[in-house]
Amino acid sequence: MSIRGIFQLSKLTFVHCPHTGTSKGINQFLVNALPSLRIQTEERRGEEHKNVFEIQQRKGKDPYLRAMFVNKREKTIGVKNKTEEEIAILVENVMSEKGRAVKKIPRRVMRTRISSVQGTWQPQGASTSSSST
């Protein structure tokens, strides 16, 4: 996704092991889907974003994706035992992110001037009438 015409994802690194079974899905993704994704990215973003994807091999380690954004934020996503389709969905989601940290949106507390028709709530056992002896 872009902010004011600038794409926020600067680099996406695929870290995997060519031998372990946990990297089976990402190995298939790198062979089957990544070449077409590179072409689509070049068409969408232009020639200056040619080297967005990087591939690293780490033998004996679990696979993951590392996304670097323009604002120097880094996001790591584990793709251990994921299928090729699941990894493709994750890559599309990462490419469409803006790179900002997730913030909680404050919500207004609803208050009314009109009291409830049923009356105000009181804990169970509390009496509503006062008794005097």
N, C-alpha and C. Protein backbone atom coordinates (compact mmCIF):
# COMPACT_ATOMS: atom_id res chain seq x y z
N MET A 1 0.86 -1.17 0.00
CA MET A 1 0.00 0.00 0.00
C MET A 1 0.90 1.22 0.00
N SER A 2 0.39 2.27 -0.54
CA SER A 2 1.21 3.47 -0.62
C SER A 2 0.57 4.60 0.17
N ILE A 3 1.43 5.46 0.67
CA ILE A 3 1.00 6.68 1.32
C ILE A 3 1.56 7.82 0.49
N ARG A 4 0.65 8.63 -0.05
CA ARG A 4 1.03 9.74 -0.93
C ARG A 4 1.91 9.30 -2.10
N GLY A 5 1.61 8.13 -2.65
CA GLY A 5 2.33 7.65 -3.83
C GLY A 5 3.62 6.93 -3.55
N ILE A 6 4.00 6.77 -2.28
CA ILE A 6 5.24 6.08 -1.93
C ILE A 6 4.88 4.72 -1.34
N PHE A 7 5.37 3.64 -1.96
CA PHE A 7 5.11 2.31 -1.45
C PHE A 7 5.89 2.09 -0.17
N GLN A 8 5.23 1.53 0.83
CA GLN A 8 5.80 1.45 2.16
C GLN A 8 6.72 0.25 2.38
N LEU A 9 6.54 -0.82 1.63
CA LEU A 9 7.38 -2.00 1.78
C LEU A 9 8.67 -1.78 1.00
N SER A 10 9.80 -1.76 1.69
CA SER A 10 11.06 -1.54 0.99
C SER A 10 11.75 -2.86 0.65
N LYS A 11 11.63 -3.88 1.51
CA LYS A 11 12.28 -5.16 1.24
C LYS A 11 11.52 -6.28 1.93
N LEU A 12 11.36 -7.40 1.23
CA LEU A 12 10.72 -8.58 1.78
C LEU A 12 11.70 -9.74 1.62
N THR A 13 12.14 -10.28 2.76
CA THR A 13 13.14 -11.34 2.76
C THR A 13 12.49 -12.67 3.11
N PHE A 14 12.75 -13.68 2.28
CA PHE A 14 12.28 -15.04 2.53
C PHE A 14 13.44 -15.83 3.10
N VAL A 15 13.36 -16.24 4.35
CA VAL A 15 14.42 -17.01 5.00
C VAL A 15 13.92 -18.44 5.13
N HIS A 16 14.69 -19.40 4.59
CA HIS A 16 14.23 -20.79 4.59
C HIS A 16 15.41 -21.74 4.59
N CYS A 17 15.11 -23.02 4.81
CA CYS A 17 16.09 -24.09 4.71
C CYS A 17 15.70 -24.97 3.52
N PRO A 18 16.62 -25.30 2.65
CA PRO A 18 16.25 -26.09 1.48
C PRO A 18 15.98 -27.57 1.79
N HIS A 19 16.28 -28.02 3.02
CA HIS A 19 16.19 -29.44 3.30
C HIS A 19 15.09 -29.82 4.30
N THR A 20 14.75 -28.97 5.24
CA THR A 20 13.82 -29.37 6.30
C THR A 20 12.39 -29.44 5.79
N GLY A 21 11.59 -30.25 6.45
CA GLY A 21 10.19 -30.41 6.07
C GLY A 21 9.33 -29.22 6.41
N THR A 22 9.74 -28.42 7.40
CA THR A 22 8.95 -27.25 7.76
C THR A 22 9.03 -26.17 6.69
N SER A 23 10.04 -26.25 5.82
CA SER A 23 10.20 -25.26 4.75
C SER A 23 9.61 -25.73 3.42
N LYS A 24 8.85 -26.80 3.44
CA LYS A 24 8.32 -27.36 2.19
C LYS A 24 7.42 -26.37 1.46
N GLY A 25 6.53 -25.72 2.19
CA GLY A 25 5.60 -24.77 1.58
C GLY A 25 6.29 -23.55 1.00
N ILE A 26 7.27 -23.01 1.73
CA ILE A 26 7.96 -21.82 1.23
C ILE A 26 8.87 -22.17 0.06
N ASN A 27 9.44 -23.38 0.05
CA ASN A 27 10.25 -23.80 -1.10
C ASN A 27 9.39 -23.89 -2.35
N GLN A 28 8.18 -24.44 -2.21
CA GLN A 28 7.26 -24.50 -3.36
C GLN A 28 6.85 -23.09 -3.80
N PHE A 29 6.63 -22.20 -2.85
CA PHE A 29 6.25 -20.84 -3.17
C PHE A 29 7.36 -20.13 -3.94
N LEU A 30 8.61 -20.33 -3.51
CA LEU A 30 9.74 -19.67 -4.17
C LEU A 30 9.91 -20.16 -5.61
N VAL A 31 9.61 -21.42 -5.87
CA VAL A 31 9.76 -21.97 -7.21
C VAL A 31 8.56 -21.61 -8.10
N ASN A 32 7.34 -21.73 -7.56
CA ASN A 32 6.14 -21.59 -8.39
C ASN A 32 5.60 -20.17 -8.47
N ALA A 33 5.47 -19.48 -7.34
CA ALA A 33 4.73 -18.22 -7.31
C ALA A 33 5.60 -16.97 -7.31
N LEU A 34 6.81 -17.06 -6.80
CA LEU A 34 7.63 -15.86 -6.68
C LEU A 34 8.02 -15.22 -8.02
N PRO A 35 8.36 -15.99 -9.05
CA PRO A 35 8.70 -15.33 -10.32
C PRO A 35 7.55 -14.48 -10.89
N SER A 36 6.34 -14.97 -10.83
CA SER A 36 5.20 -14.18 -11.34
C SER A 36 4.92 -12.99 -10.42
N LEU A 37 5.14 -13.16 -9.12
CA LEU A 37 4.94 -12.05 -8.18
C LEU A 37 5.96 -10.94 -8.42
N ARG A 38 7.19 -11.30 -8.77
CA ARG A 38 8.21 -10.30 -9.09
C ARG A 38 7.80 -9.48 -10.31
N ILE A 39 7.27 -10.15 -11.32
CA ILE A 39 6.85 -9.44 -12.54
C ILE A 39 5.69 -8.51 -12.24
N GLN A 40 4.71 -8.98 -11.45
CA GLN A 40 3.57 -8.13 -11.08
C GLN A 40 4.02 -6.91 -10.28
N THR A 41 4.96 -7.11 -9.38
CA THR A 41 5.45 -6.02 -8.54
C THR A 41 6.17 -4.97 -9.39
N GLU A 42 6.97 -5.42 -10.34
CA GLU A 42 7.66 -4.47 -11.23
C GLU A 42 6.66 -3.67 -12.06
N GLU A 43 5.59 -4.34 -12.51
CA GLU A 43 4.58 -3.64 -13.31
C GLU A 43 3.84 -2.60 -12.47
N ARG A 44 3.51 -2.97 -11.23
CA ARG A 44 2.75 -2.06 -10.36
C ARG A 44 3.60 -0.91 -9.85
N ARG A 45 4.81 -1.21 -9.44
CA ARG A 45 5.63 -0.21 -8.74
C ARG A 45 6.66 0.46 -9.63
N GLY A 46 6.99 -0.11 -10.73
CA GLY A 46 7.99 0.49 -11.60
C GLY A 46 9.36 -0.12 -11.43
N GLU A 47 10.30 0.36 -12.19
CA GLU A 47 11.65 -0.20 -12.21
C GLU A 47 12.45 0.09 -10.94
N GLU A 48 12.13 1.17 -10.24
CA GLU A 48 12.91 1.50 -9.04
C GLU A 48 12.66 0.52 -7.90
N HIS A 49 11.59 -0.26 -7.99
CA HIS A 49 11.28 -1.25 -6.95
C HIS A 49 11.56 -2.65 -7.46
N LYS A 50 12.63 -2.80 -8.20
CA LYS A 50 12.95 -4.08 -8.81
C LYS A 50 13.45 -5.09 -7.78
N ASN A 51 14.21 -4.66 -6.80
CA ASN A 51 14.83 -5.55 -5.83
C ASN A 51 14.10 -5.53 -4.50
N VAL A 52 12.80 -5.76 -4.53
CA VAL A 52 12.02 -5.77 -3.30
C VAL A 52 12.20 -7.10 -2.58
N PHE A 53 12.34 -8.19 -3.34
CA PHE A 53 12.40 -9.53 -2.76
C PHE A 53 13.84 -10.00 -2.61
N GLU A 54 14.10 -10.67 -1.48
CA GLU A 54 15.42 -11.23 -1.21
C GLU A 54 15.23 -12.63 -0.65
N ILE A 55 16.10 -13.56 -1.00
CA ILE A 55 16.01 -14.94 -0.53
C ILE A 55 17.27 -15.28 0.23
N GLN A 56 17.10 -15.80 1.47
CA GLN A 56 18.23 -16.23 2.29
C GLN A 56 18.03 -17.68 2.69
N GLN A 57 19.11 -18.44 2.70
CA GLN A 57 19.06 -19.82 3.16
C GLN A 57 19.74 -19.92 4.52
N ARG A 58 19.02 -20.50 5.47
CA ARG A 58 19.59 -20.78 6.80
C ARG A 58 19.34 -22.25 7.07
N LYS A 59 20.37 -23.05 6.99
CA LYS A 59 20.21 -24.50 7.12
C LYS A 59 19.83 -24.88 8.53
N GLY A 60 18.82 -25.74 8.63
CA GLY A 60 18.39 -26.26 9.92
C GLY A 60 17.52 -25.32 10.72
N LYS A 61 17.07 -24.22 10.15
CA LYS A 61 16.24 -23.24 10.87
C LYS A 61 14.84 -23.22 10.27
N ASP A 62 13.88 -22.79 11.08
CA ASP A 62 12.50 -22.67 10.61
C ASP A 62 12.36 -21.47 9.67
N PRO A 63 11.45 -21.56 8.70
CA PRO A 63 11.30 -20.48 7.73
C PRO A 63 10.48 -19.32 8.29
N TYR A 64 10.76 -18.11 7.79
CA TYR A 64 9.99 -16.93 8.16
C TYR A 64 10.15 -15.86 7.09
N LEU A 65 9.26 -14.88 7.15
CA LEU A 65 9.33 -13.72 6.26
C LEU A 65 9.75 -12.52 7.10
N ARG A 66 10.64 -11.69 6.56
CA ARG A 66 11.04 -10.47 7.24
C ARG A 66 10.72 -9.29 6.32
N ALA A 67 9.84 -8.42 6.77
CA ALA A 67 9.43 -7.26 5.97
C ALA A 67 10.06 -6.01 6.56
N MET A 68 10.71 -5.25 5.71
CA MET A 68 11.29 -3.96 6.10
C MET A 68 10.48 -2.86 5.42
N PHE A 69 10.05 -1.88 6.20
CA PHE A 69 9.23 -0.80 5.68
C PHE A 69 10.06 0.47 5.57
N VAL A 70 9.53 1.45 4.85
CA VAL A 70 10.24 2.70 4.61
C VAL A 70 10.51 3.44 5.92
N ASN A 71 9.60 3.33 6.89
CA ASN A 71 9.75 4.04 8.16
C ASN A 71 10.66 3.29 9.15
N LYS A 72 11.48 2.37 8.65
CA LYS A 72 12.47 1.60 9.42
C LYS A 72 11.85 0.58 10.36
N ARG A 73 10.57 0.32 10.23
CA ARG A 73 9.91 -0.71 11.04
C ARG A 73 10.15 -2.06 10.40
N GLU A 74 10.34 -3.07 11.22
CA GLU A 74 10.59 -4.43 10.74
C GLU A 74 9.53 -5.36 11.30
N LYS A 75 9.01 -6.24 10.46
CA LYS A 75 7.99 -7.19 10.89
C LYS A 75 8.43 -8.59 10.48
N THR A 76 8.36 -9.54 11.40
CA THR A 76 8.75 -10.92 11.13
C THR A 76 7.53 -11.81 11.27
N ILE A 77 7.32 -12.68 10.27
CA ILE A 77 6.17 -13.58 10.27
C ILE A 77 6.69 -15.00 10.07
N GLY A 78 6.37 -15.89 11.00
CA GLY A 78 6.77 -17.29 10.88
C GLY A 78 5.87 -18.03 9.91
N VAL A 79 6.48 -18.81 9.02
CA VAL A 79 5.71 -19.56 8.03
C VAL A 79 6.02 -21.06 8.13
N LYS A 80 6.31 -21.51 9.33
CA LYS A 80 6.61 -22.92 9.56
C LYS A 80 5.39 -23.77 9.26
N ASN A 81 5.56 -24.80 8.44
CA ASN A 81 4.53 -25.77 8.05
C ASN A 81 3.33 -25.13 7.35
N LYS A 82 3.49 -23.97 6.74
CA LYS A 82 2.40 -23.36 5.99
C LYS A 82 2.45 -23.83 4.54
N THR A 83 1.28 -23.86 3.90
CA THR A 83 1.21 -24.27 2.51
C THR A 83 1.57 -23.11 1.60
N GLU A 84 1.73 -23.42 0.33
CA GLU A 84 2.08 -22.40 -0.66
C GLU A 84 1.00 -21.33 -0.76
N GLU A 85 -0.27 -21.74 -0.68
CA GLU A 85 -1.38 -20.79 -0.77
C GLU A 85 -1.43 -19.87 0.45
N GLU A 86 -1.20 -20.43 1.64
CA GLU A 86 -1.20 -19.61 2.85
C GLU A 86 -0.07 -18.58 2.83
N ILE A 87 1.07 -18.97 2.31
CA ILE A 87 2.21 -18.05 2.22
C ILE A 87 1.90 -16.95 1.21
N ALA A 88 1.23 -17.29 0.11
CA ALA A 88 0.87 -16.28 -0.89
C ALA A 88 -0.07 -15.25 -0.29
N ILE A 89 -1.01 -15.68 0.54
CA ILE A 89 -1.93 -14.75 1.21
C ILE A 89 -1.16 -13.85 2.18
N LEU A 90 -0.23 -14.44 2.95
CA LEU A 90 0.58 -13.64 3.88
C LEU A 90 1.42 -12.60 3.15
N VAL A 91 2.00 -12.98 2.02
CA VAL A 91 2.83 -12.05 1.25
C VAL A 91 1.99 -10.90 0.72
N GLU A 92 0.80 -11.19 0.22
CA GLU A 92 -0.08 -10.13 -0.27
C GLU A 92 -0.48 -9.18 0.86
N ASN A 93 -0.76 -9.74 2.04
CA ASN A 93 -1.12 -8.91 3.19
C ASN A 93 0.03 -8.01 3.62
N VAL A 94 1.25 -8.56 3.63
CA VAL A 94 2.41 -7.76 4.03
C VAL A 94 2.68 -6.66 3.01
N MET A 95 2.51 -6.98 1.74
CA MET A 95 2.77 -5.99 0.70
C MET A 95 1.75 -4.85 0.73
N SER A 96 0.57 -5.11 1.27
CA SER A 96 -0.45 -4.06 1.31
C SER A 96 -0.46 -3.30 2.64
N GLU A 97 0.43 -3.65 3.57
CA GLU A 97 0.48 -2.94 4.84
C GLU A 97 1.16 -1.59 4.69
N LYS A 98 0.86 -0.71 5.62
CA LYS A 98 1.45 0.62 5.60
C LYS A 98 2.70 0.71 6.47
N GLY A 99 2.96 -0.29 7.30
CA GLY A 99 4.17 -0.29 8.11
C GLY A 99 4.04 0.44 9.42
N ARG A 100 2.84 0.85 9.75
CA ARG A 100 2.64 1.54 11.02
C ARG A 100 2.33 0.55 12.13
N ALA A 101 2.62 0.93 13.35
CA ALA A 101 2.27 0.10 14.49
C ALA A 101 0.76 0.17 14.70
N VAL A 102 0.18 -0.90 15.17
CA VAL A 102 -1.25 -0.95 15.40
C VAL A 102 -1.58 -0.15 16.64
N LYS A 103 -2.54 0.76 16.50
CA LYS A 103 -2.97 1.58 17.63
C LYS A 103 -4.40 1.24 17.98
N LYS A 104 -4.70 1.33 19.26
CA LYS A 104 -6.06 1.14 19.70
C LYS A 104 -6.82 2.44 19.48
N ILE A 105 -7.97 2.32 18.86
CA ILE A 105 -8.78 3.50 18.58
C ILE A 105 -9.64 3.81 19.81
N PRO A 106 -9.52 5.00 20.37
CA PRO A 106 -10.33 5.32 21.55
C PRO A 106 -11.80 5.48 21.16
N ARG A 107 -12.65 4.98 22.01
CA ARG A 107 -14.08 5.08 21.77
C ARG A 107 -14.72 5.94 22.84
N ARG A 108 -15.74 6.65 22.43
CA ARG A 108 -16.45 7.50 23.39
C ARG A 108 -17.37 6.65 24.24
N VAL A 109 -17.51 7.02 25.49
CA VAL A 109 -18.41 6.34 26.40
C VAL A 109 -19.79 6.94 26.19
N MET A 110 -20.78 6.07 26.00
CA MET A 110 -22.14 6.55 25.77
C MET A 110 -22.80 6.89 27.11
N ARG A 111 -23.24 8.11 27.26
CA ARG A 111 -23.96 8.54 28.46
C ARG A 111 -25.20 9.28 28.01
N THR A 112 -26.27 9.08 28.75
CA THR A 112 -27.52 9.77 28.41
C THR A 112 -28.03 10.52 29.63
N ARG A 113 -28.84 11.50 29.35
CA ARG A 113 -29.46 12.24 30.44
C ARG A 113 -30.73 11.55 30.94
N ILE A 114 -31.24 10.67 30.13
CA ILE A 114 -32.48 9.96 30.48
C ILE A 114 -32.11 8.69 31.23
N SER A 115 -32.71 8.50 32.41
CA SER A 115 -32.42 7.30 33.17
C SER A 115 -33.18 6.12 32.55
N SER A 116 -32.79 4.94 32.90
CA SER A 116 -33.37 3.74 32.34
C SER A 116 -34.82 3.58 32.77
N VAL A 117 -35.63 3.02 31.91
CA VAL A 117 -37.04 2.76 32.21
C VAL A 117 -37.14 1.72 33.31
N GLN A 118 -36.22 0.81 33.36
CA GLN A 118 -36.26 -0.25 34.35
C GLN A 118 -35.72 0.20 35.69
N GLY A 119 -35.15 1.36 35.79
CA GLY A 119 -34.58 1.84 37.04
C GLY A 119 -33.08 1.63 37.06
N THR A 120 -32.43 2.20 38.06
CA THR A 120 -30.98 2.06 38.15
C THR A 120 -30.63 0.71 38.73
N TRP A 121 -29.47 0.22 38.35
CA TRP A 121 -29.03 -1.09 38.79
C TRP A 121 -28.49 -1.01 40.19
N GLN A 122 -28.84 -2.02 41.01
CA GLN A 122 -28.31 -2.14 42.36
C GLN A 122 -27.88 -3.58 42.57
N PRO A 123 -26.84 -3.78 43.34
CA PRO A 123 -26.40 -5.16 43.57
C PRO A 123 -27.48 -5.98 44.26
N GLN A 124 -27.43 -7.29 44.01
CA GLN A 124 -28.44 -8.17 44.56
C GLN A 124 -28.33 -8.20 46.08
N GLY A 125 -29.46 -8.14 46.76
CA GLY A 125 -29.49 -8.14 48.22
C GLY A 125 -29.62 -6.76 48.81
N ALA A 126 -29.38 -5.75 48.01
CA ALA A 126 -29.54 -4.37 48.50
C ALA A 126 -31.01 -4.02 48.44
N SER A 127 -31.51 -3.48 49.50
CA SER A 127 -32.93 -3.13 49.51
C SER A 127 -33.11 -1.73 48.99
N THR A 128 -34.25 -1.49 48.35
CA THR A 128 -34.52 -0.18 47.80
C THR A 128 -35.18 0.73 48.81
N SER A 129 -35.86 0.15 49.76
CA SER A 129 -36.52 0.97 50.77
C SER A 129 -35.71 0.97 52.05
N SER A 130 -35.71 2.08 52.74
CA SER A 130 -34.99 2.12 54.01
C SER A 130 -35.98 1.82 55.12
N SER A 131 -35.56 1.03 56.06
CA SER A 131 -36.44 0.69 57.18
C SER A 131 -35.93 1.35 58.45
N SER A 132 -36.84 1.92 59.17
CA SER A 132 -36.47 2.55 60.44
C SER A 132 -37.28 1.91 61.54
N THR A 133 -36.67 1.59 62.65
CA THR A 133 -37.37 0.99 63.79
C THR A 133 -37.29 1.82 65.01
